[in-house]
Amino acid sequence: MHAAVKTLALLGCSLTAVAVPACGGSSEASSPLWKVRGTPNPPSSIRLPSGPPPRQVVIRDLRKGTGVPLKEGDWFAVNYIAFDYRTGHKEEAHWEPTGGFSWEFRKGRIVKGWIPGLEGMRVGGKRELILPSRLAHNTGDIFYLIELLEVKPHT
């Protein structure tokens, strides 16, 4: 579903700061959509790791989420900030308190390193990822701060 249409469909839903099924369900099985409010603003300071960049994906959970785990084929929404690992320069950011970047969690559709880096993450979680260039956009090693806002499981 297109993000704007999905957003309009959710306007009547009550959202809370903890993961709950949207539009009235009370358990994972009763509602296919899980959503939380994001952090209102991106962090004002982020400490990037030092040392040589890793050769594999590095995952560090800052906050565990709840709800259904993200898996291939699901639709998801995240807030994220990406930095060049070597220079610390901010490469891109998408951080909205209620929106987020929304896409299908499938190989070939998102950044390669997001598949192993986000799989199993739960709504409300916040995670740091370090991706080697070959798993980012082949433009250099990237450090991501990612907050998972929504999961719509593949049916």
Protein backbone atom coordinates (compact mmCIF):
# COMPACT_ATOMS: atom_id res chain seq x y z
CA MET A 1 0.00 0.00 0.00
CA HIS A 2 1.37 3.43 -0.86
CA ALA A 3 2.72 5.23 2.23
CA ALA A 4 0.37 8.23 1.88
CA VAL A 5 -2.70 5.99 1.59
CA LYS A 6 -1.50 3.89 4.53
CA THR A 7 -0.94 7.04 6.60
CA LEU A 8 -4.45 8.31 5.82
CA ALA A 9 -5.93 4.93 6.72
CA LEU A 10 -4.23 5.08 10.12
CA LEU A 11 -5.29 8.61 11.10
CA GLY A 12 -8.22 7.30 13.11
CA CYS A 13 -6.08 4.83 15.03
CA SER A 14 -4.80 5.62 18.48
CA LEU A 15 -1.02 5.29 18.69
CA THR A 16 0.94 4.93 21.89
CA ALA A 17 4.58 4.95 22.83
CA VAL A 18 4.61 1.17 23.22
CA ALA A 19 4.00 -1.33 20.45
CA VAL A 20 0.33 -2.23 20.21
CA PRO A 21 -1.66 -3.49 17.29
CA ALA A 22 -3.15 -0.58 15.36
CA CYS A 23 -6.92 -0.07 15.09
CA GLY A 24 -8.11 -2.13 18.00
CA GLY A 25 -6.47 -5.56 18.05
CA SER A 26 -5.09 -6.79 21.33
CA SER A 27 -2.67 -9.49 20.26
CA GLU A 28 -0.22 -10.26 17.50
CA ALA A 29 -2.68 -12.69 15.93
CA SER A 30 -5.63 -10.28 15.91
CA SER A 31 -4.01 -7.46 13.93
CA PRO A 32 -1.52 -7.57 11.09
CA LEU A 33 -0.22 -4.03 11.66
CA TRP A 34 2.06 -2.97 14.50
CA LYS A 35 3.04 0.67 14.90
CA VAL A 36 4.56 3.00 17.51
CA ARG A 37 5.34 6.67 17.67
CA GLY A 38 8.94 7.39 16.87
CA THR A 39 11.37 9.45 18.88
CA PRO A 40 10.24 13.06 18.26
CA ASN A 41 13.63 14.28 17.07
CA PRO A 42 16.78 12.58 15.92
CA PRO A 43 19.47 12.40 18.58
CA SER A 44 21.50 15.60 18.79
CA SER A 45 24.74 13.70 19.25
CA ILE A 46 25.72 10.23 18.14
CA ARG A 47 29.00 8.58 19.09
CA LEU A 48 30.44 6.77 16.09
CA PRO A 49 32.69 3.78 16.79
CA SER A 50 36.42 4.10 16.29
CA GLY A 51 38.90 1.74 14.72
CA PRO A 52 38.96 0.07 11.35
CA PRO A 53 35.62 -0.70 9.71
CA PRO A 54 34.32 -4.23 10.16
CA ARG A 55 34.16 -6.75 7.33
CA GLN A 56 30.72 -8.04 8.37
CA VAL A 57 27.50 -6.43 9.59
CA VAL A 58 27.76 -5.27 13.20
CA ILE A 59 24.49 -5.05 15.16
CA ARG A 60 24.08 -3.30 18.51
CA ASP A 61 20.64 -3.04 20.09
CA LEU A 62 20.08 0.18 22.01
CA ARG A 63 16.47 -0.63 22.87
CA LYS A 64 14.59 -3.89 22.39
CA GLY A 65 11.18 -3.61 20.78
CA THR A 66 8.01 -5.63 21.23
CA GLY A 67 5.44 -7.04 18.86
CA VAL A 68 5.97 -9.14 15.78
CA PRO A 69 9.55 -9.61 14.55
CA LEU A 70 10.44 -8.18 11.14
CA LYS A 71 10.95 -10.86 8.49
CA GLU A 72 11.43 -10.99 4.74
CA GLY A 73 8.34 -9.98 2.78
CA ASP A 74 6.93 -7.71 5.52
CA TRP A 75 6.35 -3.99 5.00
CA PHE A 76 8.12 -1.85 7.57
CA ALA A 77 8.72 1.77 8.54
CA VAL A 78 11.85 3.14 10.20
CA ASN A 79 13.51 6.34 11.24
CA TYR A 80 17.19 6.31 10.35
CA ILE A 81 20.35 8.37 10.10
CA ALA A 82 23.34 7.20 8.05
CA PHE A 83 26.94 8.34 8.55
CA ASP A 84 30.12 7.63 6.61
CA TYR A 85 32.01 5.34 9.01
CA ARG A 86 35.45 6.78 8.22
CA THR A 87 34.67 10.51 8.13
CA GLY A 88 31.61 10.78 10.37
CA HIS A 89 29.86 12.86 7.70
CA LYS A 90 26.06 12.49 7.75
CA GLU A 91 25.15 10.82 4.45
CA GLU A 92 21.37 10.77 4.71
CA ALA A 93 18.58 10.89 7.24
CA HIS A 94 14.88 10.26 7.44
CA TRP A 95 13.54 10.94 10.92
CA GLU A 96 9.87 11.71 11.52
CA PRO A 97 8.08 11.28 14.87
CA THR A 98 5.05 9.53 13.32
CA GLY A 99 6.02 8.64 9.76
CA GLY A 100 9.31 7.13 8.87
CA PHE A 101 10.77 5.57 5.75
CA SER A 102 8.47 2.76 4.60
CA TRP A 103 9.42 -0.09 2.30
CA GLU A 104 9.18 -3.81 1.66
CA PHE A 105 11.69 -5.90 3.61
CA ARG A 106 12.97 -7.98 0.70
CA LYS A 107 16.34 -8.61 -0.93
CA GLY A 108 16.86 -6.31 -3.89
CA ARG A 109 14.42 -3.73 -2.48
CA ILE A 110 16.48 -2.23 0.35
CA VAL A 111 20.11 -1.77 1.36
CA LYS A 112 21.73 -5.24 1.31
CA GLY A 113 23.02 -5.02 4.87
CA TRP A 114 19.60 -4.14 6.24
CA ILE A 115 18.43 -7.73 5.62
CA PRO A 116 20.74 -9.34 8.21
CA GLY A 117 20.87 -6.11 10.24
CA LEU A 118 17.13 -5.65 10.78
CA GLU A 119 15.70 -9.16 10.47
CA GLY A 120 14.05 -10.18 13.72
CA MET A 121 13.96 -6.61 15.06
CA ARG A 122 10.70 -5.73 16.82
CA VAL A 123 8.59 -2.56 16.68
CA GLY A 124 9.84 0.10 19.08
CA GLY A 125 13.41 -1.15 18.89
CA LYS A 126 16.38 1.09 18.22
CA ARG A 127 19.55 -0.34 16.73
CA GLU A 128 22.98 0.66 15.48
CA LEU A 129 24.27 -1.05 12.35
CA ILE A 130 27.70 -0.85 10.79
CA LEU A 131 27.71 -2.02 7.19
CA PRO A 132 30.79 -2.69 5.10
CA SER A 133 30.69 -0.92 1.75
CA ARG A 134 29.71 -4.04 -0.21
CA LEU A 135 26.55 -4.34 1.94
CA ALA A 136 25.76 -0.64 1.89
CA HIS A 137 25.67 1.21 -1.44
CA ASN A 138 29.29 0.45 -2.40
CA THR A 139 30.08 4.06 -1.51
CA GLY A 140 31.92 3.33 1.70
CA ASP A 141 31.32 1.79 5.09
CA ILE A 142 28.16 3.16 6.71
CA PHE A 143 27.04 3.55 10.34
CA TYR A 144 23.24 3.58 10.76
CA LEU A 145 21.06 4.50 13.70
CA ILE A 146 17.66 2.88 13.05
CA GLU A 147 14.39 2.99 14.95
CA LEU A 148 11.70 0.47 13.87
CA LEU A 149 8.29 2.15 13.88
CA GLU A 150 6.00 -0.26 12.08
CA VAL A 151 5.72 -3.81 10.79
CA LYS A 152 2.95 -5.09 8.55
CA PRO A 153 3.54 -8.83 8.23
CA HIS A 154 3.42 -10.44 4.81
CA THR A 155 0.20 -12.40 4.40
